[in-house]
Structure formats: structure tokens, C-alpha cells
Amino acid sequence: MRLKPIKDTTNTVMYLYPTTDNDIVAPNRKVRALLGLDASAQEFNVVYGAYPGNDKEIAIQTRSILQVMIDFGSYIDVPETDLAEGRVYKPQRTPEQMRLFPPLFNIRNGPLAPDDAYVSIRYRNQVFWIDDRDQQSKSMFNSLLLLFSLTETGQSQAAPLVTIPTR
């Protein structure tokens, strides 16, 4: 994928180069068929939306950062007392839902975090943490931090202007 300038804007373009590698040809055909893409095209515009405008576009409708946070938060291990008191909501998932949509990361809780926790934070009388040996959770946490940095649109704050009177 790369960014390609098109008329005063920048478009993301995905290139699918021809290949004779059988390990790639069959999946390539399947992806093209599932997305309704031109079987002979090599270049596709990636656009925001629910539906592509033609067979050379790949439409992607992303979630908002709030939706991502809600989904991540639904997998946090929360204290049973907080559930019983109605302080938090935890969606009930069937075993089939858990099989199809396994947790993206694991955040544990307890009175104390392990000394080697990757990150931890105290909230009320509990500590929530990510285990330092849990590579997937660490990776997802870092991805979430990256998403936060990408959504930051504010300009950096200018330093205060100090006036010093002189004679």
C-alpha cells in the first residue's frame, strides 16, 4: 500500500502484483471474488465507506476510537464485587462467541500487581495490569496507544509569554 496524490488530495492505493506462486494465486482470487474486485486490475483505491463505487475500489468503514475502547474494555477482568454492585457492565458471551471472537488482550486485577507487570494502574482498591509475558496483550496495548496518538488533533501548546519590566 502507498499514498498516491490524486487531484489536490491523497489517496491510499493498494497494489496486487501478478504472481505465479500457487500459494498466493488462489487466496488472491478468493479475496478479489469476496470483495467484488476486477480480476485483472493491479491497483485499487482504498476509500472510506460501506460500499465501493466500482470494482477497483476497496471500501473500509472503520470504527471510532470510542468504539474500539468499548470493545477492548469489554474484555477487562473486573472484580466480581463491582459486577454485583452494578459498578460495571460485562457482556455475557456464549462459548461460540468466545471461539469466534477471542479476547484481543487480557487485563487482570487483584489487590497487588506482580512486580514484573508490563503496565499497571491502581483504581479504587484494586490494581489492573498486563502481564509482561503476554506478548499479544502488550502489542494490543501499544496499538491502542498508537491510535490515541494518531487521533490527537490539537496543536501543541505555546509556551506562556513572560514580560519582564526593565528600566
C-alpha atoms as a PDB file:
ATOM      1  CA  MET A   1       0.000   0.000   0.000  1.00  0.00           C
ATOM      2  CA  ARG A   2       1.107   3.558  -0.564  1.00  0.00           C
ATOM      3  CA  LEU A   3      -0.252   7.090  -0.664  1.00  0.00           C
ATOM      4  CA  LYS A   4      -0.788   8.454  -4.157  1.00  0.00           C
ATOM      5  CA  PRO A   5      -1.637  12.103  -4.896  1.00  0.00           C
ATOM      6  CA  ILE A   6      -4.814  12.398  -6.968  1.00  0.00           C
ATOM      7  CA  LYS A   7      -6.181  15.880  -7.794  1.00  0.00           C
ATOM      8  CA  ASP A   8      -5.471  18.005  -4.657  1.00  0.00           C
ATOM      9  CA  THR A   9      -5.969  15.014  -2.303  1.00  0.00           C
ATOM     10  CA  THR A  10      -4.000  11.994  -1.235  1.00  0.00           C
ATOM     11  CA  ASN A  11      -5.456   8.540  -1.761  1.00  0.00           C
ATOM     12  CA  THR A  12      -4.325   5.256  -0.304  1.00  0.00           C
ATOM     13  CA  VAL A  13      -3.695   2.787  -3.077  1.00  0.00           C
ATOM     14  CA  MET A  14      -3.222  -0.961  -2.750  1.00  0.00           C
ATOM     15  CA  TYR A  15      -1.240  -2.789  -5.397  1.00  0.00           C
ATOM     16  CA  LEU A  16      -1.669  -6.505  -6.107  1.00  0.00           C
ATOM     17  CA  TYR A  17       1.167  -7.585  -8.328  1.00  0.00           C
ATOM     18  CA  PRO A  18       0.794 -10.562 -10.664  1.00  0.00           C
ATOM     19  CA  THR A  19       2.397 -13.769  -9.473  1.00  0.00           C
ATOM     20  CA  THR A  20       2.595 -17.398 -10.448  1.00  0.00           C
ATOM     21  CA  ASP A  21       3.194 -18.586  -6.874  1.00  0.00           C
ATOM     22  CA  ASN A  22       0.359 -21.080  -6.250  1.00  0.00           C
ATOM     23  CA  ASP A  23       0.383 -20.285  -2.515  1.00  0.00           C
ATOM     24  CA  ILE A  24      -0.632 -16.713  -3.393  1.00  0.00           C
ATOM     25  CA  VAL A  25      -2.726 -17.091  -6.567  1.00  0.00           C
ATOM     26  CA  ALA A  26      -5.673 -18.975  -5.002  1.00  0.00           C
ATOM     27  CA  PRO A  27      -6.051 -16.681  -1.941  1.00  0.00           C
ATOM     28  CA  ASN A  28      -5.651 -13.654  -4.223  1.00  0.00           C
ATOM     29  CA  ARG A  29      -8.527 -14.865  -6.429  1.00  0.00           C
ATOM     30  CA  LYS A  30     -10.686 -15.585  -3.390  1.00  0.00           C
ATOM     31  CA  VAL A  31     -10.123 -12.110  -1.898  1.00  0.00           C
ATOM     32  CA  ARG A  32     -10.898 -10.477  -5.241  1.00  0.00           C
ATOM     33  CA  ALA A  33     -14.106 -12.540  -5.581  1.00  0.00           C
ATOM     34  CA  LEU A  34     -15.235 -11.827  -1.994  1.00  0.00           C
ATOM     35  CA  LEU A  35     -14.635  -8.080  -2.409  1.00  0.00           C
ATOM     36  CA  GLY A  36     -16.061  -7.967  -5.952  1.00  0.00           C
ATOM     37  CA  LEU A  37     -12.794  -6.665  -7.371  1.00  0.00           C
ATOM     38  CA  ASP A  38     -11.702  -6.630 -11.004  1.00  0.00           C
ATOM     39  CA  ALA A  39      -9.842  -9.918 -11.555  1.00  0.00           C
ATOM     40  CA  SER A  40      -7.242  -8.329 -13.839  1.00  0.00           C
ATOM     41  CA  ALA A  41      -6.606  -4.998 -12.069  1.00  0.00           C
ATOM     42  CA  GLN A  42      -3.405  -4.442 -10.112  1.00  0.00           C
ATOM     43  CA  GLU A  43      -4.249  -1.115  -8.471  1.00  0.00           C
ATOM     44  CA  PHE A  44      -7.172  -0.448  -6.119  1.00  0.00           C
ATOM     45  CA  ASN A  45      -8.183   2.760  -4.339  1.00  0.00           C
ATOM     46  CA  VAL A  46      -8.865   2.318  -0.625  1.00  0.00           C
ATOM     47  CA  VAL A  47     -11.788   4.565   0.349  1.00  0.00           C
ATOM     48  CA  TYR A  48     -13.810   5.208   3.482  1.00  0.00           C
ATOM     49  CA  GLY A  49     -17.359   3.913   3.257  1.00  0.00           C
ATOM     50  CA  ALA A  50     -19.693   0.961   3.448  1.00  0.00           C
ATOM     51  CA  TYR A  51     -19.691   0.164  -0.272  1.00  0.00           C
ATOM     52  CA  PRO A  52     -17.165   0.589  -3.076  1.00  0.00           C
ATOM     53  CA  GLY A  53     -18.068   2.830  -6.013  1.00  0.00           C
ATOM     54  CA  ASN A  54     -16.687   0.374  -8.588  1.00  0.00           C
ATOM     55  CA  ASP A  55     -14.709  -2.847  -8.935  1.00  0.00           C
ATOM     56  CA  LYS A  56     -11.399  -1.009  -8.485  1.00  0.00           C
ATOM     57  CA  GLU A  57     -12.203   0.335  -5.014  1.00  0.00           C
ATOM     58  CA  ILE A  58     -11.881  -1.268  -1.605  1.00  0.00           C
ATOM     59  CA  ALA A  59     -14.301   0.388   0.841  1.00  0.00           C
ATOM     60  CA  ILE A  60     -13.408   0.269   4.527  1.00  0.00           C
ATOM     61  CA  GLN A  61     -15.645   1.610   7.258  1.00  0.00           C
ATOM     62  CA  THR A  62     -13.532   1.887  10.375  1.00  0.00           C
ATOM     63  CA  ARG A  63     -14.696   2.092  13.964  1.00  0.00           C
ATOM     64  CA  SER A  64     -14.349   5.232  16.031  1.00  0.00           C
ATOM     65  CA  ILE A  65     -11.732   5.275  18.792  1.00  0.00           C
ATOM     66  CA  LEU A  66     -14.624   5.199  21.299  1.00  0.00           C
ATOM     67  CA  GLN A  67     -15.996   2.001  19.740  1.00  0.00           C
ATOM     68  CA  VAL A  68     -12.521   0.454  19.881  1.00  0.00           C
ATOM     69  CA  MET A  69     -12.151   1.390  23.560  1.00  0.00           C
ATOM     70  CA  ILE A  70     -15.585  -0.026  24.425  1.00  0.00           C
ATOM     71  CA  ASP A  71     -14.736  -3.295  22.700  1.00  0.00           C
ATOM     72  CA  PHE A  72     -11.348  -3.525  24.443  1.00  0.00           C
ATOM     73  CA  GLY A  73     -12.939  -2.629  27.775  1.00  0.00           C
ATOM     74  CA  SER A  74     -15.492  -5.412  27.477  1.00  0.00           C
ATOM     75  CA  TYR A  75     -12.687  -7.960  27.924  1.00  0.00           C
ATOM     76  CA  ILE A  76     -11.156  -6.491  31.102  1.00  0.00           C
ATOM     77  CA  ASP A  77     -11.172  -8.858  34.060  1.00  0.00           C
ATOM     78  CA  VAL A  78     -13.244  -6.896  36.614  1.00  0.00           C
ATOM     79  CA  PRO A  79     -13.809  -7.714  40.290  1.00  0.00           C
ATOM     80  CA  GLU A  80     -16.943  -9.774  40.985  1.00  0.00           C
ATOM     81  CA  THR A  81     -17.942  -7.266  43.694  1.00  0.00           C
ATOM     82  CA  ASP A  82     -18.022  -4.454  41.097  1.00  0.00           C
ATOM     83  CA  LEU A  83     -20.277  -6.592  38.887  1.00  0.00           C
ATOM     84  CA  ALA A  84     -22.572  -7.459  41.809  1.00  0.00           C
ATOM     85  CA  GLU A  85     -22.829  -3.810  42.886  1.00  0.00           C
ATOM     86  CA  GLY A  86     -23.645  -2.688  39.324  1.00  0.00           C
ATOM     87  CA  ARG A  87     -20.498  -0.550  39.042  1.00  0.00           C
ATOM     88  CA  VAL A  88     -19.566  -2.116  35.701  1.00  0.00           C
ATOM     89  CA  TYR A  89     -21.307  -3.962  32.918  1.00  0.00           C
ATOM     90  CA  LYS A  90     -19.792  -7.129  31.498  1.00  0.00           C
ATOM     91  CA  PRO A  91     -21.419  -8.548  28.378  1.00  0.00           C
ATOM     92  CA  GLN A  92     -22.322 -12.228  28.522  1.00  0.00           C
ATOM     93  CA  ARG A  93     -20.720 -14.152  25.679  1.00  0.00           C
ATOM     94  CA  THR A  94     -21.544 -17.687  24.631  1.00  0.00           C
ATOM     95  CA  PRO A  95     -18.720 -20.203  24.136  1.00  0.00           C
ATOM     96  CA  GLU A  96     -19.345 -19.907  20.393  1.00  0.00           C
ATOM     97  CA  GLN A  97     -18.928 -16.108  20.523  1.00  0.00           C
ATOM     98  CA  MET A  98     -15.714 -16.531  22.514  1.00  0.00           C
ATOM     99  CA  ARG A  99     -14.451 -19.022  19.931  1.00  0.00           C
ATOM    100  CA  LEU A 100     -15.271 -16.714  17.028  1.00  0.00           C
ATOM    101  CA  PHE A 101     -14.162 -13.509  18.760  1.00  0.00           C
ATOM    102  CA  PRO A 102     -11.483 -14.325  21.333  1.00  0.00           C
ATOM    103  CA  PRO A 103     -10.238 -11.536  23.610  1.00  0.00           C
ATOM    104  CA  LEU A 104      -7.733  -9.237  21.939  1.00  0.00           C
ATOM    105  CA  PHE A 105      -5.898  -8.739  25.201  1.00  0.00           C
ATOM    106  CA  ASN A 106      -6.019  -9.715  28.856  1.00  0.00           C
ATOM    107  CA  ILE A 107      -6.068  -7.215  31.694  1.00  0.00           C
ATOM    108  CA  ARG A 108      -6.013  -8.841  35.110  1.00  0.00           C
ATOM    109  CA  ASN A 109      -6.883  -7.400  38.517  1.00  0.00           C
ATOM    110  CA  GLY A 110      -6.127  -8.038  42.130  1.00  0.00           C
ATOM    111  CA  PRO A 111      -5.022  -6.298  45.316  1.00  0.00           C
ATOM    112  CA  LEU A 112      -1.423  -6.068  44.002  1.00  0.00           C
ATOM    113  CA  ALA A 113       0.168  -6.270  40.579  1.00  0.00           C
ATOM    114  CA  PRO A 114       3.094  -8.628  40.026  1.00  0.00           C
ATOM    115  CA  ASP A 115       6.497  -6.945  40.279  1.00  0.00           C
ATOM    116  CA  ASP A 116       7.156  -7.691  36.622  1.00  0.00           C
ATOM    117  CA  ALA A 117       3.852  -6.355  35.226  1.00  0.00           C
ATOM    118  CA  TYR A 118       4.219  -4.663  31.842  1.00  0.00           C
ATOM    119  CA  VAL A 119       1.873  -1.829  32.906  1.00  0.00           C
ATOM    120  CA  SER A 120      -0.337  -1.429  35.940  1.00  0.00           C
ATOM    121  CA  ILE A 121      -2.669   1.106  37.472  1.00  0.00           C
ATOM    122  CA  ARG A 122      -4.429   1.329  40.807  1.00  0.00           C
ATOM    123  CA  TYR A 123      -8.146   2.085  40.695  1.00  0.00           C
ATOM    124  CA  ARG A 124     -10.085   2.205  43.934  1.00  0.00           C
ATOM    125  CA  ASN A 125      -8.832  -0.757  45.979  1.00  0.00           C
ATOM    126  CA  GLN A 126      -7.736  -2.853  43.003  1.00  0.00           C
ATOM    127  CA  VAL A 127      -4.763  -2.917  40.667  1.00  0.00           C
ATOM    128  CA  PHE A 128      -5.225  -3.696  36.973  1.00  0.00           C
ATOM    129  CA  TRP A 129      -2.254  -4.942  34.932  1.00  0.00           C
ATOM    130  CA  ILE A 130      -0.939  -6.588  31.787  1.00  0.00           C
ATOM    131  CA  ASP A 131       1.437  -9.486  32.305  1.00  0.00           C
ATOM    132  CA  ASP A 132       4.907  -8.830  30.874  1.00  0.00           C
ATOM    133  CA  ARG A 133       4.963 -12.325  29.290  1.00  0.00           C
ATOM    134  CA  ASP A 134       1.695 -11.727  27.400  1.00  0.00           C
ATOM    135  CA  GLN A 135       3.022 -10.591  24.016  1.00  0.00           C
ATOM    136  CA  GLN A 136      -0.405 -10.242  22.373  1.00  0.00           C
ATOM    137  CA  SER A 137      -1.767  -8.038  25.172  1.00  0.00           C
ATOM    138  CA  LYS A 138       1.355  -5.890  25.137  1.00  0.00           C
ATOM    139  CA  SER A 139       1.103  -5.497  21.375  1.00  0.00           C
ATOM    140  CA  MET A 140      -2.606  -4.576  21.518  1.00  0.00           C
ATOM    141  CA  PHE A 141      -1.975  -2.071  24.333  1.00  0.00           C
ATOM    142  CA  ASN A 142       0.778  -0.426  22.285  1.00  0.00           C
ATOM    143  CA  SER A 143      -1.512  -0.362  19.237  1.00  0.00           C
ATOM    144  CA  LEU A 144      -4.177   1.390  21.298  1.00  0.00           C
ATOM    145  CA  LEU A 145      -1.611   3.970  22.430  1.00  0.00           C
ATOM    146  CA  LEU A 146      -0.656   4.495  18.785  1.00  0.00           C
ATOM    147  CA  LEU A 147      -4.314   5.018  17.858  1.00  0.00           C
ATOM    148  CA  PHE A 148      -4.586   7.653  20.588  1.00  0.00           C
ATOM    149  CA  SER A 149      -1.556   9.474  19.222  1.00  0.00           C
ATOM    150  CA  LEU A 150      -2.986   9.369  15.680  1.00  0.00           C
ATOM    151  CA  THR A 151      -6.308  10.824  16.799  1.00  0.00           C
ATOM    152  CA  GLU A 152      -4.642  13.711  18.633  1.00  0.00           C
ATOM    153  CA  THR A 153      -5.525  16.728  16.507  1.00  0.00           C
ATOM    154  CA  GLY A 154      -4.781  19.556  18.895  1.00  0.00           C
ATOM    155  CA  GLN A 155      -1.836  21.805  18.250  1.00  0.00           C
ATOM    156  CA  SER A 156       0.960  21.838  20.765  1.00  0.00           C
ATOM    157  CA  GLN A 157       0.505  24.443  23.450  1.00  0.00           C
ATOM    158  CA  ALA A 158       2.665  27.523  23.009  1.00  0.00           C
ATOM    159  CA  ALA A 159       4.877  28.463  25.925  1.00  0.00           C
ATOM    160  CA  PRO A 160       3.493  31.288  28.073  1.00  0.00           C
ATOM    161  CA  LEU A 161       4.683  34.765  27.183  1.00  0.00           C
ATOM    162  CA  VAL A 162       6.559  36.332  30.065  1.00  0.00           C
ATOM    163  CA  THR A 163       7.054  40.094  30.221  1.00  0.00           C
ATOM    164  CA  ILE A 164       9.901  41.341  32.393  1.00  0.00           C
ATOM    165  CA  PRO A 165       9.836  45.048  33.162  1.00  0.00           C
ATOM    166  CA  THR A 166      13.152  46.831  32.698  1.00  0.00           C
ATOM    167  CA  ARG A 167      14.377  50.379  33.221  1.00  0.00           C
END
